[in-house]
Amino acid sequence: MSIGLGIFLFVVGAILVWAVEVQLEWIDLDMVGYILMGAGFLVFLLGIVLLARRRTSSTVSATHVDPATGDRVTRNETRGPDPL
């Protein structure tokens, strides 16, 4: 969701900077567009970082001898991302 929001903010900012030719006395639309593009870029990067962080997993492997039979027992456990 944050990646899409970042792209949306960037596009709206670009439209305000390069496509809108309206001059208002009380607001500079070019500056608003540049601010929206910067915010969109930061939100996009934050979304990428959170997405990469969410996909990490860890694997634990433990081997021990079963006292009853004398066989070696290996237990593998893979943990994925924590549910939200």
C-alpha atoms as a PDB file:
ATOM      1  CA  MET A   1       0.000   0.000   0.000  1.00  0.00           C
ATOM      2  CA  SER A   2       2.775   2.435   0.828  1.00  0.00           C
ATOM      3  CA  ILE A   3       4.507   1.823  -2.494  1.00  0.00           C
ATOM      4  CA  GLY A   4       1.330   2.751  -4.360  1.00  0.00           C
ATOM      5  CA  LEU A   5       0.813   5.801  -2.167  1.00  0.00           C
ATOM      6  CA  GLY A   6       4.376   6.933  -2.864  1.00  0.00           C
ATOM      7  CA  ILE A   7       3.893   6.615  -6.603  1.00  0.00           C
ATOM      8  CA  PHE A   8       0.571   8.460  -6.379  1.00  0.00           C
ATOM      9  CA  LEU A   9       2.100  11.368  -4.428  1.00  0.00           C
ATOM     10  CA  PHE A  10       4.999  11.585  -6.870  1.00  0.00           C
ATOM     11  CA  VAL A  11       2.679  11.662  -9.892  1.00  0.00           C
ATOM     12  CA  VAL A  12       0.388  14.299  -8.382  1.00  0.00           C
ATOM     13  CA  GLY A  13       3.430  16.403  -7.527  1.00  0.00           C
ATOM     14  CA  ALA A  14       4.808  16.064 -11.047  1.00  0.00           C
ATOM     15  CA  ILE A  15       1.459  17.114 -12.512  1.00  0.00           C
ATOM     16  CA  LEU A  16       1.408  20.191 -10.285  1.00  0.00           C
ATOM     17  CA  VAL A  17       4.969  21.150 -11.260  1.00  0.00           C
ATOM     18  CA  TRP A  18       4.960  20.531 -14.995  1.00  0.00           C
ATOM     19  CA  ALA A  19       1.343  20.373 -16.199  1.00  0.00           C
ATOM     20  CA  VAL A  20      -0.575  22.987 -14.225  1.00  0.00           C
ATOM     21  CA  GLU A  21      -0.008  26.539 -15.418  1.00  0.00           C
ATOM     22  CA  VAL A  22      -2.145  28.315 -12.813  1.00  0.00           C
ATOM     23  CA  GLN A  23      -0.691  31.158 -10.724  1.00  0.00           C
ATOM     24  CA  LEU A  24      -2.276  31.746  -7.342  1.00  0.00           C
ATOM     25  CA  GLU A  25      -1.317  34.590  -5.026  1.00  0.00           C
ATOM     26  CA  TRP A  26      -1.700  32.658  -1.791  1.00  0.00           C
ATOM     27  CA  ILE A  27       0.137  29.410  -2.754  1.00  0.00           C
ATOM     28  CA  ASP A  28       3.012  28.379  -4.977  1.00  0.00           C
ATOM     29  CA  LEU A  29       1.819  25.240  -6.778  1.00  0.00           C
ATOM     30  CA  ASP A  30       5.320  24.443  -8.030  1.00  0.00           C
ATOM     31  CA  MET A  31       6.618  24.259  -4.453  1.00  0.00           C
ATOM     32  CA  VAL A  32       3.655  22.109  -3.407  1.00  0.00           C
ATOM     33  CA  GLY A  33       4.407  19.810  -6.332  1.00  0.00           C
ATOM     34  CA  TYR A  34       8.077  19.488  -5.379  1.00  0.00           C
ATOM     35  CA  ILE A  35       7.108  18.767  -1.774  1.00  0.00           C
ATOM     36  CA  LEU A  36       4.647  16.085  -2.906  1.00  0.00           C
ATOM     37  CA  MET A  37       7.264  14.515  -5.172  1.00  0.00           C
ATOM     38  CA  GLY A  38       9.776  14.419  -2.304  1.00  0.00           C
ATOM     39  CA  ALA A  39       7.218  12.939   0.065  1.00  0.00           C
ATOM     40  CA  GLY A  40       6.205  10.373  -2.543  1.00  0.00           C
ATOM     41  CA  PHE A  41       9.812   9.344  -3.052  1.00  0.00           C
ATOM     42  CA  LEU A  42      10.343   8.932   0.707  1.00  0.00           C
ATOM     43  CA  VAL A  43       7.124   6.934   1.145  1.00  0.00           C
ATOM     44  CA  PHE A  44       8.113   4.724  -1.799  1.00  0.00           C
ATOM     45  CA  LEU A  45      11.548   4.020  -0.273  1.00  0.00           C
ATOM     46  CA  LEU A  46      10.023   3.334   3.131  1.00  0.00           C
ATOM     47  CA  GLY A  47       7.602   0.869   1.533  1.00  0.00           C
ATOM     48  CA  ILE A  48      10.470  -0.955  -0.201  1.00  0.00           C
ATOM     49  CA  VAL A  49      12.446  -1.173   3.063  1.00  0.00           C
ATOM     50  CA  LEU A  50       9.454  -2.488   5.003  1.00  0.00           C
ATOM     51  CA  LEU A  51       8.667  -4.999   2.278  1.00  0.00           C
ATOM     52  CA  ALA A  52      12.242  -6.325   2.276  1.00  0.00           C
ATOM     53  CA  ARG A  53      12.276  -6.497   6.060  1.00  0.00           C
ATOM     54  CA  ARG A  54       9.009  -8.407   6.174  1.00  0.00           C
ATOM     55  CA  ARG A  55      10.312 -11.183   3.914  1.00  0.00           C
ATOM     56  CA  THR A  56      13.170 -12.313   6.146  1.00  0.00           C
ATOM     57  CA  SER A  57      13.119 -15.786   7.649  1.00  0.00           C
ATOM     58  CA  SER A  58      15.327 -17.802   9.969  1.00  0.00           C
ATOM     59  CA  THR A  59      16.124 -21.518   9.999  1.00  0.00           C
ATOM     60  CA  VAL A  60      17.071 -23.471  13.130  1.00  0.00           C
ATOM     61  CA  SER A  61      18.537 -26.959  12.967  1.00  0.00           C
ATOM     62  CA  ALA A  62      19.082 -29.094  16.080  1.00  0.00           C
ATOM     63  CA  THR A  63      20.502 -32.619  16.242  1.00  0.00           C
ATOM     64  CA  HIS A  64      20.422 -34.854  19.315  1.00  0.00           C
ATOM     65  CA  VAL A  65      20.447 -38.547  20.153  1.00  0.00           C
ATOM     66  CA  ASP A  66      17.230 -40.271  21.166  1.00  0.00           C
ATOM     67  CA  PRO A  67      18.002 -42.005  24.491  1.00  0.00           C
ATOM     68  CA  ALA A  68      15.514 -44.829  23.904  1.00  0.00           C
ATOM     69  CA  THR A  69      16.757 -46.002  20.510  1.00  0.00           C
ATOM     70  CA  GLY A  70      20.187 -44.396  20.194  1.00  0.00           C
ATOM     71  CA  ASP A  71      19.244 -42.868  16.843  1.00  0.00           C
ATOM     72  CA  ARG A  72      20.229 -39.370  15.838  1.00  0.00           C
ATOM     73  CA  VAL A  73      17.266 -37.054  15.490  1.00  0.00           C
ATOM     74  CA  THR A  74      17.523 -33.853  13.477  1.00  0.00           C
ATOM     75  CA  ARG A  75      14.858 -31.205  13.843  1.00  0.00           C
ATOM     76  CA  ASN A  76      14.616 -28.409  11.281  1.00  0.00           C
ATOM     77  CA  GLU A  77      12.426 -25.392  11.920  1.00  0.00           C
ATOM     78  CA  THR A  78      11.902 -22.468   9.554  1.00  0.00           C
ATOM     79  CA  ARG A  79      10.311 -19.308  10.818  1.00  0.00           C
ATOM     80  CA  GLY A  80       8.855 -16.802   8.431  1.00  0.00           C
ATOM     81  CA  PRO A  81       7.804 -13.244   9.078  1.00  0.00           C
ATOM     82  CA  ASP A  82       5.779 -12.503  12.176  1.00  0.00           C
ATOM     83  CA  PRO A  83       2.077 -12.060  11.440  1.00  0.00           C
ATOM     84  CA  LEU A  84       0.788  -8.553  11.870  1.00  0.00           C
END
